[in-house]
Protein backbone atom coordinates (compact mmCIF):
# COMPACT_ATOMS: atom_id res chain seq x y z
CA MET A 1 2.49 -5.31 -18.79
CA GLU A 2 2.56 -9.08 -18.58
CA THR A 3 3.98 -10.65 -15.47
CA GLU A 4 4.59 -14.28 -15.15
CA ASP A 5 2.58 -16.44 -12.78
CA TYR A 6 5.24 -17.48 -10.44
CA LEU A 7 2.96 -19.91 -8.65
CA GLY A 8 3.05 -22.03 -11.84
CA LEU A 9 6.71 -22.51 -11.68
CA ARG A 10 8.54 -25.33 -10.05
CA LEU A 11 10.12 -24.16 -6.75
CA ASP A 12 13.60 -24.53 -8.05
CA ASP A 13 12.71 -22.49 -11.24
CA PHE A 14 11.27 -19.72 -9.07
CA LEU A 15 14.44 -19.66 -6.91
CA ASP A 16 16.59 -19.52 -10.06
CA ARG A 17 14.57 -16.54 -11.34
CA LEU A 18 14.87 -14.85 -7.96
CA SER A 19 18.74 -15.23 -7.84
CA VAL A 20 19.30 -14.16 -11.40
CA GLY A 21 18.52 -10.52 -10.83
CA GLY A 22 16.65 -8.03 -12.91
CA GLN A 23 13.20 -6.69 -12.46
CA ALA A 24 11.16 -9.55 -10.90
CA PRO A 25 10.56 -11.51 -8.81
CA GLY A 26 12.18 -9.67 -6.03
CA GLY A 27 11.86 -9.03 -2.29
CA GLY A 28 8.15 -8.51 -2.29
CA SER A 29 7.46 -11.80 -3.97
CA ALA A 30 9.80 -13.52 -1.60
CA ALA A 31 8.08 -11.92 1.45
CA ALA A 32 4.74 -12.94 0.05
CA LEU A 33 5.82 -16.51 -0.33
CA SER A 34 7.40 -16.54 3.11
CA VAL A 35 3.87 -15.53 4.56
CA ALA A 36 2.25 -18.10 2.38
CA PHE A 37 4.53 -20.85 3.60
CA ALA A 38 3.98 -19.76 7.15
CA ALA A 39 0.16 -19.81 6.68
CA GLY A 40 0.42 -23.22 5.15
CA LEU A 41 2.34 -24.52 8.08
CA VAL A 42 -0.32 -23.13 10.40
CA ALA A 43 -3.03 -24.94 8.40
CA MET A 44 -1.15 -28.14 8.48
CA VAL A 45 -0.53 -27.93 12.34
CA ALA A 46 -4.16 -27.09 12.91
CA ARG A 47 -5.31 -30.01 10.71
CA CYS A 48 -3.05 -32.41 12.58
CA SER A 49 -4.60 -31.31 15.81
CA ARG A 50 -8.16 -31.83 14.99
CA GLY A 51 -8.39 -34.81 17.37
CA THR A 52 -7.44 -32.73 20.46
CA TRP A 53 -8.53 -29.16 19.52
CA GLU A 54 -12.09 -28.18 18.95
CA ASP A 55 -11.21 -25.00 16.92
CA ALA A 56 -8.56 -26.62 14.77
CA THR A 57 -10.77 -26.90 11.58
CA GLY A 58 -11.59 -23.16 11.69
CA VAL A 59 -8.02 -22.03 12.32
CA ALA A 60 -6.94 -24.30 9.43
CA ALA A 61 -9.42 -22.63 7.06
CA GLN A 62 -8.13 -19.21 8.21
CA GLY A 63 -4.56 -20.34 7.56
CA LEU A 64 -5.46 -21.54 4.01
CA ALA A 65 -7.19 -18.21 3.25
CA ILE A 66 -4.15 -16.37 4.29
CA LYS A 67 -1.94 -18.69 2.22
CA ASP A 68 -3.88 -18.28 -0.87
CA ARG A 69 -4.08 -14.49 -0.59
CA ALA A 70 -0.28 -14.22 0.17
CA ALA A 71 0.66 -16.55 -2.72
CA HIS A 72 -1.46 -14.47 -5.10
CA LEU A 73 0.34 -11.35 -3.91
CA ALA A 74 3.69 -12.79 -4.96
CA ARG A 75 2.59 -12.10 -8.48
CA THR A 76 0.72 -8.97 -7.85
CA ASP A 77 3.78 -7.42 -6.07
CA ALA A 78 6.09 -8.16 -9.11
CA ALA A 79 3.52 -6.59 -11.48
CA ALA A 80 3.19 -3.46 -9.30
CA TRP A 81 6.90 -3.14 -8.92
CA GLN A 82 7.47 -3.50 -12.66
CA GLU A 83 4.90 -0.90 -13.44
CA ALA A 84 6.35 1.58 -10.99
CA THR A 85 9.83 1.01 -12.27
CA ALA A 86 8.70 1.52 -15.88
CA ALA A 87 6.81 4.80 -14.87
CA LEU A 88 10.01 6.00 -13.06
CA HIS A 89 12.03 5.41 -16.17
CA ARG A 90 9.48 7.22 -18.43
CA ALA A 91 9.41 10.20 -16.04
CA GLY A 92 13.24 10.38 -16.05
CA SER A 93 13.57 10.14 -19.75
CA ASP A 94 10.58 12.27 -20.94
CA GLY A 95 10.72 15.08 -18.40
CA ALA A 96 7.95 15.58 -15.94
CA GLY A 97 4.47 16.78 -16.78
CA GLU A 98 1.42 16.93 -14.71
CA ARG A 99 -0.17 13.95 -16.15
CA ARG A 100 3.11 11.93 -15.99
CA ASP A 101 3.58 12.97 -12.29
CA PHE A 102 0.13 11.81 -11.47
CA GLU A 103 0.71 8.44 -13.23
CA LEU A 104 4.04 7.99 -11.47
CA GLU A 105 2.54 8.83 -8.05
CA GLN A 106 -0.32 6.27 -8.72
CA LYS A 107 2.18 3.55 -9.72
CA LEU A 108 4.44 4.20 -6.72
CA LYS A 109 1.39 4.23 -4.35
CA ARG A 110 0.30 0.87 -5.71
CA ALA A 111 3.76 -0.49 -5.31
CA ALA A 112 3.50 0.40 -1.59
CA GLU A 113 -0.02 -0.99 -1.01
CA VAL A 114 0.88 -4.56 -2.07
CA PRO A 115 3.76 -4.99 0.46
CA LEU A 116 1.46 -3.30 3.04
CA GLU A 117 -1.07 -6.11 2.51
CA ILE A 118 1.79 -8.72 2.61
CA ALA A 119 2.92 -7.28 5.97
CA GLU A 120 -0.64 -7.26 7.37
CA LEU A 121 -1.13 -10.89 6.31
CA GLY A 122 2.22 -11.76 7.93
CA ALA A 123 0.91 -10.32 11.22
CA ASP A 124 -2.28 -12.43 10.77
CA ALA A 125 -0.31 -15.56 9.97
CA ALA A 126 2.08 -14.92 13.00
CA ALA A 127 -0.97 -14.49 15.35
CA LEU A 128 -2.39 -17.68 14.03
CA ALA A 129 0.80 -19.46 14.48
CA ALA A 130 1.03 -18.39 18.05
CA LEU A 131 -2.51 -19.59 18.61
CA VAL A 132 -1.87 -23.01 17.10
CA GLY A 133 1.37 -23.30 18.99
CA GLU A 134 -0.61 -22.84 22.28
CA TYR A 135 -3.40 -25.32 21.45
CA CYS A 136 -2.03 -27.79 18.94
CA ASP A 137 -0.90 -31.37 19.41
CA GLY A 138 2.52 -31.23 21.24
CA ALA A 139 4.29 -33.04 18.34
CA TYR A 140 3.60 -30.00 16.03
CA ARG A 141 4.63 -27.12 18.22
CA ALA A 142 8.03 -26.80 16.53
CA ASP A 143 6.10 -26.32 13.21
CA ALA A 144 3.97 -23.67 14.68
CA ALA A 145 7.13 -21.87 15.94
CA ALA A 146 8.60 -22.19 12.45
CA ALA A 147 5.40 -20.68 10.96
CA ALA A 148 5.50 -17.75 13.35
CA ALA A 149 9.23 -17.09 12.46
CA LEU A 150 8.51 -17.24 8.79
CA ALA A 151 5.46 -14.94 9.07
CA ALA A 152 7.41 -12.37 11.03
CA GLY A 153 10.22 -12.45 8.61
CA GLY A 154 7.85 -11.95 5.69
CA ALA A 155 6.11 -9.13 7.54
CA SER A 156 9.37 -7.45 8.33
CA ALA A 157 10.69 -7.59 4.74
CA ALA A 158 7.34 -6.24 3.34
CA ALA A 159 7.29 -3.33 5.82
CA HIS A 160 10.78 -2.48 4.75
CA LEU A 161 9.64 -2.26 1.16
CA VAL A 162 6.81 0.03 2.12
CA GLU A 163 9.29 2.17 4.06
CA VAL A 164 11.59 2.65 1.08
CA ASN A 165 8.92 3.35 -1.43
CA LEU A 166 9.27 6.85 -2.86
CA ALA A 167 5.57 7.51 -2.43
CA VAL A 168 5.71 7.01 1.30
CA ARG A 169 6.72 9.65 3.75
CA GLU A 170 7.35 9.55 7.45
CA GLY A 171 3.98 9.92 9.27
CA ASP A 172 2.11 8.30 6.32
CA GLU A 173 -0.77 5.94 7.31
CA THR A 174 0.56 3.28 5.07
CA LEU A 175 3.91 3.40 6.74
CA ARG A 176 2.22 3.36 10.27
CA ARG A 177 0.21 0.27 9.34
CA ALA A 178 3.26 -1.54 7.88
CA ARG A 179 5.34 -0.91 10.98
CA ALA A 180 2.37 -1.92 13.22
CA SER A 181 2.07 -5.18 11.27
CA GLU A 182 5.71 -5.83 11.53
CA GLN A 183 5.77 -5.34 15.29
CA ALA A 184 2.62 -7.40 15.84
CA ALA A 185 4.19 -10.24 13.85
CA ALA A 186 7.51 -9.97 15.61
CA GLU A 187 5.83 -10.10 19.04
CA ALA A 188 3.70 -13.14 18.03
CA ALA A 189 6.84 -14.95 16.82
CA GLN A 190 8.74 -14.02 20.02
CA ARG A 191 5.97 -15.40 22.18
CA THR A 192 5.78 -18.62 20.19
CA LEU A 193 9.53 -19.18 20.16
CA ALA A 194 9.87 -18.32 23.90
CA SER A 195 7.43 -21.11 24.75
CA PHE A 196 10.22 -23.54 23.68
CA ARG A 197 12.80 -22.13 26.13
C-alpha cells in the first residue's frame, strides 16, 4: 500500500490533508510531528547556547536525531494505520480464518508499535527540553518550555493511540511502556514550565 511522503508536502498542504478526514494522515502522524517540532526546538535552543554551555553541541545532535526519527514516523504511522484498517475490513467482509486472523493481529500489533515509538521519542524530547531549559542561554528558556510542552502533548497523544489499539490489552507491555513514556514526558514538561513561575 502506497503512503504519501507527508514530509515532502508544504505545511499548509499537510494541515489541509489532516483536516479533510479519511484514512491518513491522522492522530499518529500529528503526534509524531509534534515530537519532531519539539526536538527541533531543543536543537535550536542548544545551538544558540553553544557560547555558554559546554554540552550544547551534543544535546543539539541528540535533538536532531529525535527530530529526524519522529518526522519519519509521521509517514510510517499513516502506513501502519492504513494497513491495519484494510486488514480489519477484509476480516469483516471475508469472514475470519486462521490465516486472516494472524494477518490482522500482526497489522494491529504494528499499528500499536509505531505510536509506542512516538511516545518514547516524546519522552526523550521532553527530557532534553528540560535539560536545555536548565542550562541554555536565558533568552531561549521560553523556547525550551515550548519544546517540553509539545513533546509531552505528542507523547500523550501517541500513548492514547496505543491504548485504543485492538491488539493491546490491559497489562500489555506495550501499553505499560506507552503510559510510562507519557508520564515521563508530562513530568519533564511540568518541571520545565514550573521554572517560569
